[in-house]
Every structure is written in C-alpha cells, then in structure tokens.
C-alpha cells in the first residue's frame, strides 16, 4: 500500500535473493528492525529494497553519501522529516482515493468515500513541490536528484489540476485543468467540477419527475393510501437524482482524476519513498550498538569482512504485532525475538583468498545466528544501509543463498537427507563466482549412521 505503482517495483526486481533465503534468514524480522519509516510509501520502498538488494555500485555509493550528508547536516535532516510528516497527514486519504487501499463501495463498485478523500489527494499533489522548496540545497548527487524529482511537479499540468478548477472534455472520458484549456482542448464542459454528491441538476430532475407523478395521481381521485405514498414521489425522485449525480461524477471526473493523480506524479512519489527510506537507514544506524557504512567494491571474487559485528535482530529484538489495543506495549512487551543488549560482537573474515569457509562450535554456540547475521549484513550493505559493525568491507554479491535443512515432503521420492542434497546441488550449480552461499547443517540425516556415512 503506497503511492508508488507496482510496475515500478516489478521493473526493479533483482535476482540476488530467492524465496527460500528470505524465509531462512528471517528477512521479515530484519525489515521490522530497520523500518523507521514515516509514510506508507517509504515503508513500501524500504521493504522492496530489502527484498531486492542492488548490484549497482554507483547506486549503493550514492545512497551512502546521502546518509553521510544527512548525519552531518541536522537542519537538512529535520527539513526532510518535516516534509515526510506533511505527506503523512495527506497520505491515508490519498491512498484511498487513488485506489491504493481497500474501501467501501456501492453495488456498482463505486467508492462511496471519493468525495471525502479527494480534497487531501489534491492537497498532497498541489502542495508537494512548495513543501520541497523549503529543503536546504543538498550537496550529494542522490539527494539533489530526489529534490529535483519532487520539484518537477512545480508548474506541471497535474499540479495546476490539483490546485484549480477541473473541467471535462466533451465526448471524451478525460479531465483537464484551467491552465490546459486552449492547448488543443476547446470542447469542454461549461461548468467545472465541484466536490459534492449533491448535484442540483440531477436532484431537480428526479424531484421534478416525482412531482409530475404526484400531480398525475392527484387527478385520478386517489384513495388516502395512494395520497400518502404519492408524497414519497418527490423524495424518491430526489434520491435517485442524487445517485445519478454520484455515478456521473465517478465516470466523468473521479475515474480520470485517479488516473492522472496516480500516474503523473510518480517521479515525485518515488522520491518521497526514497527520502523516507534514508531516514529509516539513519535511525537504524543510531539504534545499533555498532554501525558503519561498509566499504563496497565490485570485484570478481566474493568476500566479507567485519569488526565488532553483531546480529541486528537479536540485538534489538522484534515485538509481536499487536491486535489488542488494550495491551500495554510499554509495560508488558511481547517479543517474537527477545533483545540481547549485551550481545557479544565478533570479527568476521570471509574470502581472503579462499572460496570455502567452515564455521564450527558447540550446540547453541551462535553458529546459525552468526551465519544469518552475515547474510543480513550483506543485504543491508547492498541497499546502501548501515551495517551493525565498527568496520565492514564487502564485495557486491550477485546471488545470496542460505540453505538450511528442511523436512522432506510426502510428494518427494527422497528422504530428508536426499532432499537437502538435491536443494544444495541446485544452489551450487546455479551459482557463480559472485555468489555467496551459506550451507547451514548440511548433514541432517535421520540417523547417526546416515550422517556418518
């Protein structure tokens, strides 16, 4: 649920992660730890980035530079937060009007809250560029581009449409603003749209039909019962006229408005999502015991190094989603993952001239926790975010795969061990020198003898 269309996200999908890896490393929990978004649009941008890490060194470095500028320039950062706060005030109704969230509809599928939510949608699009002008001029290329993208709304047709009267093209299901009249648009409706379901013309027509029916009945010597029900004619006619007015507005104005208000400001909406994503990254970095922007390289062989490295999920913990509003979250928190504030940091060196590393230790010694944290850190680094370490260095991985033992399915001809080997074989054969693969407890046979063999 965001102001950004699904097409944009689909175009930016990357093959770095597969679904099994996302589940194995608990990417959903990582998203909850990193997420400090102010807007729903920013949340959607963040979750998409986590699920689709970048393989572009330029994009990653640009985000890192932007984060350094935000950390160093408090005034700029606060203005960005203020901008996002203003967007949030209008976003819920805008999402509703633009069909980005579910709402109540009538029997014909027309949203019954369009009249209520349209003003905020117009307010968001009509004011976004002026709010952005309050941002100090940034120095980094990424922030400059985001500001420029929002300011692209200034003076545009869709901004004028949001701020001024709205007219309908005759014989076409299209709408235009007053600034677009005369630019090949001469055949337009004589009266502009006004945001009310009460349409004098339609109601008058319906009531007139009802009154005419009343007069016709009165001429025919009606009974008292007929006289009573005939009085309902003008009322019912007026209600029918009002309904006709709503249908007319939906077809002639609301539907074409939704199309323009969603598509034309997309560049600005994406910039809002990207700014909010940066704020989440910055807040996440401040919350961690250690955090750094890793040195990122784009070499032929994969490697990862980190000093004072911690697992971000276990350090912060993950709260359950609360469905009971009466539950006091502060006095009695409930966790999916309990926080470990005194988490023992580790130093990690992977690569260093070798392509295979073994991580050994006793049961419950932290092997899986460390292996997942490394994979999570690789993802964080490749989306331009802080990594929970004092120092980190990594190469861009084109594939991140985490293989963990899973029970065999009744549909499979193999047992548990055979299934694991088949899955691992696929990962290794599909990999390349730019892949980072974690095999967590490969030999998980049914019996001790099976493991030893």
Protein backbone atom coordinates (compact mmCIF):
# COMPACT_ATOMS: atom_id res chain seq x y z
CA UNK A 1 0.00 0.00 0.00
CA UNK A 2 1.87 3.03 -1.27
CA UNK A 3 1.68 5.91 -3.72
CA UNK A 4 4.17 4.08 -5.96
CA UNK A 5 2.77 1.78 -8.64
CA UNK A 6 3.51 -1.94 -8.72
CA UNK A 7 5.03 -1.60 -12.20
CA UNK A 8 7.93 0.42 -10.80
CA UNK A 9 8.72 -2.23 -8.19
CA UNK A 10 8.47 -5.05 -10.71
CA UNK A 11 10.93 -3.30 -13.02
CA UNK A 12 13.45 -3.02 -10.17
CA UNK A 13 13.37 -6.64 -9.01
CA UNK A 14 16.79 -8.29 -8.75
CA UNK A 15 17.81 -11.98 -8.63
CA UNK A 16 20.02 -11.56 -5.55
CA UNK A 17 17.61 -13.35 -3.15
CA UNK A 18 15.25 -16.26 -3.62
CA UNK A 19 12.19 -17.00 -1.51
CA UNK A 20 13.85 -19.80 0.47
CA UNK A 21 16.70 -17.50 1.51
CA UNK A 22 14.29 -14.73 2.53
CA UNK A 23 12.48 -17.17 4.82
CA UNK A 24 15.64 -18.80 6.18
CA UNK A 25 17.35 -15.57 7.24
CA UNK A 26 14.07 -14.14 8.63
CA UNK A 27 14.05 -11.15 6.31
CA UNK A 28 10.65 -10.10 7.66
CA UNK A 29 12.18 -9.63 11.13
CA UNK A 30 15.10 -7.69 9.65
CA UNK A 31 12.62 -5.36 7.93
CA UNK A 32 10.89 -4.69 11.25
CA UNK A 33 14.23 -3.83 12.87
CA UNK A 34 15.31 -1.46 10.09
CA UNK A 35 11.89 0.11 9.48
CA UNK A 36 11.51 3.61 10.94
CA UNK A 37 9.51 4.94 8.02
CA UNK A 38 7.18 7.89 8.44
CA UNK A 39 4.99 7.23 5.40
CA UNK A 40 3.47 4.09 3.93
CA UNK A 41 5.22 4.97 0.68
CA UNK A 42 8.58 4.97 2.45
CA UNK A 43 7.79 1.62 4.08
CA UNK A 44 6.98 0.09 0.70
CA UNK A 45 10.24 1.42 -0.76
CA UNK A 46 12.24 0.02 2.17
CA UNK A 47 10.65 -3.42 2.03
CA UNK A 48 11.20 -3.60 -1.72
CA UNK A 49 14.89 -2.70 -1.32
CA UNK A 50 15.41 -5.37 1.35
CA UNK A 51 13.83 -8.00 -0.88
CA UNK A 52 15.77 -6.82 -3.94
CA UNK A 53 19.32 -5.76 -2.99
CA UNK A 54 21.10 -3.70 -5.61
CA UNK A 55 24.03 -4.92 -7.70
CA UNK A 56 24.89 -1.39 -8.84
CA UNK A 57 27.98 0.01 -7.10
CA UNK A 58 27.06 3.55 -8.18
CA UNK A 59 23.59 3.34 -6.64
CA UNK A 60 24.92 1.93 -3.35
CA UNK A 61 27.67 4.54 -3.00
CA UNK A 62 25.24 7.37 -3.81
CA UNK A 63 22.94 6.27 -1.00
CA UNK A 64 25.87 6.04 1.40
CA UNK A 65 26.98 9.58 0.53
CA UNK A 66 23.42 10.83 1.08
CA UNK A 67 23.32 9.17 4.50
CA UNK A 68 26.60 10.80 5.49
CA UNK A 69 25.21 14.20 4.48
CA UNK A 70 22.01 13.67 6.48
CA UNK A 71 24.03 12.60 9.52
CA UNK A 72 26.28 15.67 9.23
CA UNK A 73 23.55 18.23 8.40
CA UNK A 74 20.91 18.32 11.15
CA UNK A 75 18.99 21.15 9.51
CA UNK A 76 18.62 19.29 6.24
CA UNK A 77 17.63 16.09 8.01
CA UNK A 78 14.96 17.84 10.08
CA UNK A 79 13.51 19.52 6.99
CA UNK A 80 13.29 16.11 5.31
CA UNK A 81 11.48 14.71 8.36
CA UNK A 82 9.12 17.71 8.33
CA UNK A 83 8.39 17.14 4.64
CA UNK A 84 7.61 13.47 5.24
CA UNK A 85 5.39 14.40 8.18
CA UNK A 86 3.32 16.66 5.94
CA UNK A 87 3.00 13.92 3.34
CA UNK A 88 1.81 11.51 6.05
CA UNK A 89 -1.04 13.88 7.01
CA UNK A 90 -2.48 13.61 3.49
CA UNK A 91 -1.33 10.13 2.55
CA UNK A 92 -4.06 7.95 4.04
CA UNK A 93 -6.90 9.67 2.21
CA UNK A 94 -4.78 9.96 -0.93
CA UNK A 95 -4.14 6.22 -0.91
CA UNK A 96 -7.85 5.64 -0.50
CA UNK A 97 -8.87 7.92 -3.36
CA UNK A 98 -6.21 6.58 -5.71
CA UNK A 99 -7.38 3.03 -5.09
CA UNK A 100 -4.20 2.07 -3.24
CA UNK A 101 -6.15 0.83 -0.21
CA UNK A 102 -9.41 -1.04 0.21
CA UNK A 103 -12.58 0.94 0.85
CA UNK A 104 -16.36 0.66 0.94
CA UNK A 105 -18.07 0.51 -2.43
CA UNK A 106 -21.65 0.64 -3.60
CA UNK A 107 -23.38 -2.10 -5.55
CA UNK A 108 -21.76 -0.86 -8.77
CA UNK A 109 -18.20 -0.83 -7.40
CA UNK A 110 -18.01 2.95 -6.97
CA UNK A 111 -16.14 4.08 -3.88
CA UNK A 112 -18.54 5.92 -1.59
CA UNK A 113 -15.75 7.95 0.06
CA UNK A 114 -14.33 9.60 -3.05
CA UNK A 115 -15.87 12.96 -2.14
CA UNK A 116 -14.26 12.81 1.33
CA UNK A 117 -10.79 11.71 0.23
CA UNK A 118 -10.36 13.79 -2.93
CA UNK A 119 -9.50 17.07 -1.08
CA UNK A 120 -6.47 15.51 0.64
CA UNK A 121 -5.31 13.99 -2.65
CA UNK A 122 -5.47 17.39 -4.31
CA UNK A 123 -3.80 18.95 -1.28
CA UNK A 124 -0.88 16.50 -1.42
CA UNK A 125 -0.21 16.90 -5.14
CA UNK A 126 -0.91 20.62 -5.14
CA UNK A 127 1.45 21.43 -2.25
CA UNK A 128 4.24 18.86 -2.52
CA UNK A 129 6.60 20.97 -4.61
CA UNK A 130 6.16 24.03 -2.39
CA UNK A 131 6.93 21.94 0.70
CA UNK A 132 10.05 20.62 -1.01
CA UNK A 133 11.29 24.14 -1.75
CA UNK A 134 11.84 24.55 2.00
CA UNK A 135 14.61 21.92 1.91
CA UNK A 136 18.13 23.38 2.03
CA UNK A 137 20.07 22.69 -1.16
CA UNK A 138 21.83 19.33 -0.65
CA UNK A 139 25.39 18.62 -1.75
CA UNK A 140 25.26 14.93 -2.67
CA UNK A 141 24.03 13.81 -6.08
CA UNK A 142 21.41 11.39 -4.70
CA UNK A 143 19.68 13.98 -2.52
CA UNK A 144 19.91 16.59 -5.27
CA UNK A 145 18.18 14.22 -7.67
CA UNK A 146 15.41 13.40 -5.19
CA UNK A 147 14.73 17.07 -4.56
CA UNK A 148 14.72 17.78 -8.29
CA UNK A 149 12.26 14.96 -8.88
CA UNK A 150 9.82 16.36 -6.34
CA UNK A 151 10.19 19.88 -7.73
CA UNK A 152 9.31 18.53 -11.18
CA UNK A 153 5.70 18.89 -10.05
CA UNK A 154 6.08 22.67 -9.83
CA UNK A 155 4.03 24.32 -12.57
CA UNK A 156 3.07 20.98 -14.10
CA UNK A 157 -0.35 20.24 -15.50
CA UNK A 158 -1.21 17.84 -12.71
CA UNK A 159 -0.26 20.39 -10.04
CA UNK A 160 -2.49 23.02 -11.70
CA UNK A 161 -5.22 20.42 -11.91
CA UNK A 162 -4.88 19.79 -8.17
CA UNK A 163 -4.97 23.49 -7.27
CA UNK A 164 -7.51 24.88 -9.75
CA UNK A 165 -10.91 24.15 -11.27
CA UNK A 166 -11.41 20.86 -13.11
CA UNK A 167 -13.17 20.59 -16.46
CA UNK A 168 -14.22 17.59 -18.51
CA UNK A 169 -13.51 17.19 -22.20
CA UNK A 170 -16.71 16.77 -24.14
CA UNK A 171 -17.17 13.39 -25.82
CA UNK A 172 -14.06 12.04 -24.02
CA UNK A 173 -13.57 10.49 -20.61
CA UNK A 174 -10.74 12.92 -19.82
CA UNK A 175 -10.34 15.89 -17.48
CA UNK A 176 -8.13 19.00 -17.71
CA UNK A 177 -7.20 21.95 -15.52
CA UNK A 178 -7.85 25.56 -16.35
CA UNK A 179 -4.23 26.02 -17.45
CA UNK A 180 -4.67 23.35 -20.13
CA UNK A 181 -7.69 24.98 -21.80
CA UNK A 182 -6.86 26.24 -25.28
CA UNK A 183 -3.95 23.87 -25.85
CA UNK A 184 -5.91 21.78 -28.27
CA UNK A 185 -8.65 21.47 -25.65
CA UNK A 186 -11.57 23.65 -26.73
CA UNK A 187 -14.57 21.35 -26.39
CA UNK A 188 -15.00 21.25 -22.62
CA UNK A 189 -17.88 21.15 -20.18
CA UNK A 190 -19.28 24.63 -19.46
CA UNK A 191 -19.16 24.17 -15.69
CA UNK A 192 -16.21 22.97 -13.57
CA UNK A 193 -16.38 20.04 -11.20
CA UNK A 194 -17.35 20.73 -7.61
CA UNK A 195 -16.73 18.17 -4.91
CA UNK A 196 -20.19 17.33 -3.62
CA UNK A 197 -22.59 14.44 -4.19
CA UNK A 198 -25.47 16.96 -4.15
CA UNK A 199 -25.99 17.86 -7.80
CA UNK A 200 -28.77 20.41 -8.29
CA UNK A 201 -29.47 19.37 -11.85
CA UNK A 202 -29.87 15.67 -11.21
CA UNK A 203 -31.81 16.14 -7.98
CA UNK A 204 -34.12 18.71 -9.60
CA UNK A 205 -34.74 16.35 -12.49
CA UNK A 206 -35.52 13.45 -10.17
CA UNK A 207 -37.71 15.57 -7.91
CA UNK A 208 -39.48 17.03 -10.95
CA UNK A 209 -40.34 13.57 -12.20
CA UNK A 210 -41.62 12.74 -8.72
CA UNK A 211 -43.79 15.89 -8.58
CA UNK A 212 -45.16 15.22 -12.04
CA UNK A 213 -46.13 11.74 -10.87
CA UNK A 214 -47.79 13.29 -7.82
CA UNK A 215 -49.89 15.65 -9.95
CA UNK A 216 -50.86 12.82 -12.26
CA UNK A 217 -52.01 10.73 -9.31
CA UNK A 218 -53.93 13.65 -7.79
CA UNK A 219 -56.04 13.94 -10.95
CA UNK A 220 -57.24 10.36 -10.69
CA UNK A 221 -59.21 10.69 -7.39
CA UNK A 222 -56.70 8.72 -5.31
CA UNK A 223 -57.50 6.92 -2.07
CA UNK A 224 -55.89 8.15 1.19
CA UNK A 225 -53.28 5.39 0.97
CA UNK A 226 -52.39 6.41 -2.56
CA UNK A 227 -52.14 10.03 -1.49
CA UNK A 228 -49.70 9.11 1.31
CA UNK A 229 -47.40 7.06 -0.89
CA UNK A 230 -47.60 9.61 -3.68
CA UNK A 231 -45.99 12.15 -1.34
CA UNK A 232 -42.88 10.00 -1.41
CA UNK A 233 -42.54 10.57 -5.15
CA UNK A 234 -40.52 13.83 -4.98
CA UNK A 235 -38.35 12.46 -2.18
CA UNK A 236 -37.55 9.23 -4.00
CA UNK A 237 -37.02 11.17 -7.21
CA UNK A 238 -34.53 13.46 -5.46
CA UNK A 239 -32.63 10.49 -4.04
CA UNK A 240 -32.47 8.84 -7.44
CA UNK A 241 -31.23 12.11 -8.88
CA UNK A 242 -28.50 12.28 -6.23
CA UNK A 243 -27.41 8.73 -7.05
CA UNK A 244 -27.28 9.60 -10.74
CA UNK A 245 -25.08 12.58 -9.84
CA UNK A 246 -22.65 10.31 -7.97
CA UNK A 247 -22.41 7.90 -10.90
CA UNK A 248 -21.90 10.82 -13.25
CA UNK A 249 -19.06 12.22 -11.11
CA UNK A 250 -17.42 8.81 -10.83
CA UNK A 251 -17.36 8.29 -14.57
CA UNK A 252 -16.75 11.86 -15.74
CA UNK A 253 -14.37 13.12 -13.05
CA UNK A 254 -13.25 10.70 -10.31
CA UNK A 255 -12.02 7.87 -12.51
CA UNK A 256 -9.98 10.09 -14.88
CA UNK A 257 -8.70 12.10 -11.89
CA UNK A 258 -7.46 8.93 -10.23
CA UNK A 259 -5.59 8.00 -13.40
CA UNK A 260 -3.81 11.37 -13.70
CA UNK A 261 -3.20 11.84 -9.99
CA UNK A 262 -1.57 8.40 -9.74
CA UNK A 263 0.49 8.30 -12.93
CA UNK A 264 1.76 11.84 -13.49
CA UNK A 265 3.33 12.48 -10.03
CA UNK A 266 5.08 9.07 -9.92
CA UNK A 267 8.60 10.53 -10.11
CA UNK A 268 7.83 12.74 -7.10
CA UNK A 269 6.15 9.90 -5.17
CA UNK A 270 9.21 7.67 -5.69
CA UNK A 271 11.45 10.45 -4.41
CA UNK A 272 9.31 10.69 -1.26
CA UNK A 273 9.70 6.94 -0.75
CA UNK A 274 13.47 7.16 -1.22
CA UNK A 275 13.82 10.05 1.25
CA UNK A 276 11.82 8.13 3.83
CA UNK A 277 13.97 5.06 3.23
CA UNK A 278 17.10 7.10 4.01
CA UNK A 279 15.58 8.29 7.29
CA UNK A 280 14.89 4.64 8.23
CA UNK A 281 18.51 3.74 7.47
CA UNK A 282 19.78 6.61 9.59
CA UNK A 283 17.56 5.74 12.57
CA UNK A 284 18.55 2.08 12.32
CA UNK A 285 22.23 3.00 12.39
CA UNK A 286 21.73 5.11 15.51
CA UNK A 287 19.95 2.26 17.32
CA UNK A 288 22.66 -0.34 16.78
CA UNK A 289 25.45 -0.89 19.32
CA UNK A 290 27.89 -0.51 16.43
CA UNK A 291 27.12 0.76 12.92
CA UNK A 292 29.11 1.71 9.87
CA UNK A 293 28.66 2.33 6.17
CA UNK A 294 30.71 -0.52 4.69
CA UNK A 295 33.37 -0.17 2.06
CA UNK A 296 31.74 -1.62 -1.06
CA UNK A 297 33.68 -2.98 -4.04
CA UNK A 298 32.70 -4.63 -7.28
CA UNK A 299 35.32 -7.34 -7.78
CA UNK A 300 35.23 -10.72 -9.48
CA UNK A 301 35.52 -12.73 -6.24
CA UNK A 302 33.24 -12.55 -3.24
CA UNK A 303 34.39 -11.57 0.26
CA UNK A 304 33.10 -10.07 3.52
CA UNK A 305 34.95 -8.63 6.49
CA UNK A 306 33.62 -7.01 9.67
CA UNK A 307 34.97 -5.95 13.08
CA UNK A 308 32.79 -5.87 16.23
CA UNK A 309 29.96 -7.39 14.25
CA UNK A 310 26.55 -8.16 15.82
CA UNK A 311 23.24 -9.73 14.81
CA UNK A 312 20.81 -6.78 14.40
CA UNK A 313 17.66 -8.80 15.04
CA UNK A 314 18.91 -10.38 18.26
CA UNK A 315 20.44 -7.13 19.50
CA UNK A 316 17.23 -5.11 19.16
CA UNK A 317 14.58 -7.82 19.34
CA UNK A 318 11.34 -7.98 17.41
CA UNK A 319 8.00 -7.20 19.00
CA UNK A 320 4.89 -9.16 18.17
CA UNK A 321 2.28 -7.39 16.09
CA UNK A 322 -0.42 -6.19 18.46
CA UNK A 323 -4.03 -6.76 17.56
CA UNK A 324 -5.34 -5.96 21.04
CA UNK A 325 -5.36 -2.20 21.60
CA UNK A 326 -5.85 -2.73 25.35
CA UNK A 327 -2.47 -4.39 25.68
CA UNK A 328 0.14 -2.06 27.21
CA UNK A 329 3.14 -2.46 24.93
CA UNK A 330 5.50 -0.44 27.14
CA UNK A 331 4.73 -2.13 30.46
CA UNK A 332 4.46 -5.67 29.13
CA UNK A 333 6.17 -6.08 25.75
CA UNK A 334 5.83 -9.39 23.93
CA UNK A 335 8.58 -10.42 21.58
CA UNK A 336 8.96 -12.70 18.58
CA UNK A 337 12.69 -12.36 19.22
CA UNK A 338 13.83 -11.18 22.64
CA UNK A 339 16.54 -8.47 22.60
CA UNK A 340 20.09 -9.21 23.77
CA UNK A 341 21.51 -5.76 24.67
CA UNK A 342 24.85 -7.28 25.77
CA UNK A 343 25.25 -9.23 22.53
CA UNK A 344 28.89 -10.34 22.15
CA UNK A 345 30.40 -8.86 19.00
CA UNK A 346 32.54 -10.92 16.62
CA UNK A 347 35.15 -10.25 13.96
CA UNK A 348 34.49 -11.93 10.63
CA UNK A 349 36.76 -12.54 7.64
CA UNK A 350 35.31 -14.44 4.68
CA UNK A 351 37.15 -14.77 1.41
CA UNK A 352 40.76 -13.68 1.94
CA UNK A 353 41.96 -15.84 -0.95
CA UNK A 354 39.73 -18.84 -0.16
CA UNK A 355 36.35 -19.81 -1.55
CA UNK A 356 35.27 -22.15 1.27
CA UNK A 357 34.97 -21.49 4.99
CA UNK A 358 33.78 -23.71 7.84
CA UNK A 359 32.12 -22.28 10.95
CA UNK A 360 32.21 -24.76 13.83
CA UNK A 361 31.35 -24.74 17.52
CA UNK A 362 29.18 -26.33 20.22
CA UNK A 363 25.40 -26.53 20.09
CA UNK A 364 23.74 -23.19 20.88
CA UNK A 365 27.09 -21.51 20.42
CA UNK A 366 25.81 -18.95 17.90
CA UNK A 367 26.81 -20.51 14.57
CA UNK A 368 23.42 -20.10 12.90
CA UNK A 369 22.93 -16.67 14.47
CA UNK A 370 26.26 -15.52 13.04
CA UNK A 371 25.66 -17.07 9.61
CA UNK A 372 22.25 -15.38 9.33
CA UNK A 373 23.70 -12.05 10.54
CA UNK A 374 26.38 -12.18 7.84
CA UNK A 375 23.77 -12.73 5.14
CA UNK A 376 21.60 -9.97 6.60
CA UNK A 377 24.60 -7.61 6.65
CA UNK A 378 25.30 -8.35 3.00
CA UNK A 379 21.73 -7.32 2.20
CA UNK A 380 21.98 -4.14 4.29
CA UNK A 381 25.24 -3.20 2.61
CA UNK A 382 23.80 -3.71 -0.87
CA UNK A 383 20.81 -1.45 -0.24
CA UNK A 384 23.09 1.38 0.92
CA UNK A 385 22.24 0.98 4.60
CA UNK A 386 24.34 0.91 7.76
CA UNK A 387 25.80 -2.45 8.79
CA UNK A 388 25.89 -3.38 12.52
CA UNK A 389 29.69 -3.37 12.92
CA UNK A 390 32.51 -0.96 13.77
CA UNK A 391 34.09 -1.57 10.37
CA UNK A 392 32.95 -3.57 7.37
CA UNK A 393 34.15 -4.33 3.87
CA UNK A 394 32.34 -6.40 1.29
CA UNK A 395 32.01 -7.19 -2.36
CA UNK A 396 28.73 -6.93 -4.27
CA UNK A 397 27.16 -10.39 -4.40
CA UNK A 398 25.01 -11.18 -7.41
CA UNK A 399 23.44 -14.07 -5.52
CA UNK A 400 22.84 -14.55 -1.80
CA UNK A 401 21.68 -18.05 -0.89
CA UNK A 402 21.04 -19.55 2.54
CA UNK A 403 20.43 -23.28 2.62
CA UNK A 404 19.02 -24.80 5.82
CA UNK A 405 17.80 -28.34 6.40
CA UNK A 406 14.11 -28.89 5.73
CA UNK A 407 11.86 -31.88 6.25
CA UNK A 408 11.14 -33.98 3.21
CA UNK A 409 7.73 -33.80 1.58
CA UNK A 410 5.42 -36.78 1.09
CA UNK A 411 5.34 -35.82 -2.58
CA UNK A 412 9.12 -36.30 -2.83
CA UNK A 413 10.74 -39.64 -3.66
CA UNK A 414 13.71 -38.69 -1.47
CA UNK A 415 14.07 -38.70 2.29
CA UNK A 416 15.12 -35.69 4.33
CA UNK A 417 18.83 -36.07 3.60
CA UNK A 418 18.30 -36.67 -0.12
CA UNK A 419 16.03 -33.65 -0.37
CA UNK A 420 18.67 -31.45 1.26
CA UNK A 421 21.36 -32.67 -1.14
CA UNK A 422 19.12 -32.01 -4.14
CA UNK A 423 18.41 -28.47 -2.94
CA UNK A 424 22.07 -27.81 -2.20
CA UNK A 425 23.12 -29.19 -5.59
CA UNK A 426 20.76 -26.76 -7.31
CA UNK A 427 22.13 -23.79 -5.35
CA UNK A 428 25.76 -24.68 -6.11
CA UNK A 429 25.17 -25.42 -9.79
CA UNK A 430 23.18 -22.21 -10.26
CA UNK A 431 25.85 -20.15 -8.54
CA UNK A 432 28.78 -18.21 -9.98
CA UNK A 433 31.99 -16.58 -8.65
CA UNK A 434 29.87 -13.65 -7.44
CA UNK A 435 27.61 -15.85 -5.30
CA UNK A 436 27.64 -16.01 -1.51
CA UNK A 437 26.22 -19.33 -0.27
CA UNK A 438 25.65 -20.44 3.32
CA UNK A 439 25.05 -24.15 3.95
CA UNK A 440 23.63 -24.44 7.46
CA UNK A 441 23.89 -28.00 8.86
CA UNK A 442 24.05 -29.85 5.56
CA UNK A 443 24.33 -33.35 7.04
CA UNK A 444 20.94 -33.66 8.72
CA UNK A 445 20.22 -37.35 8.25
CA UNK A 446 17.55 -39.36 10.01
CA UNK A 447 20.03 -41.48 12.00
CA UNK A 448 23.56 -41.10 13.32
CA UNK A 449 24.74 -43.82 10.92
CA UNK A 450 23.23 -41.96 7.98
CA UNK A 451 25.07 -38.79 8.98
CA UNK A 452 28.40 -40.60 9.36
CA UNK A 453 28.03 -42.33 6.00
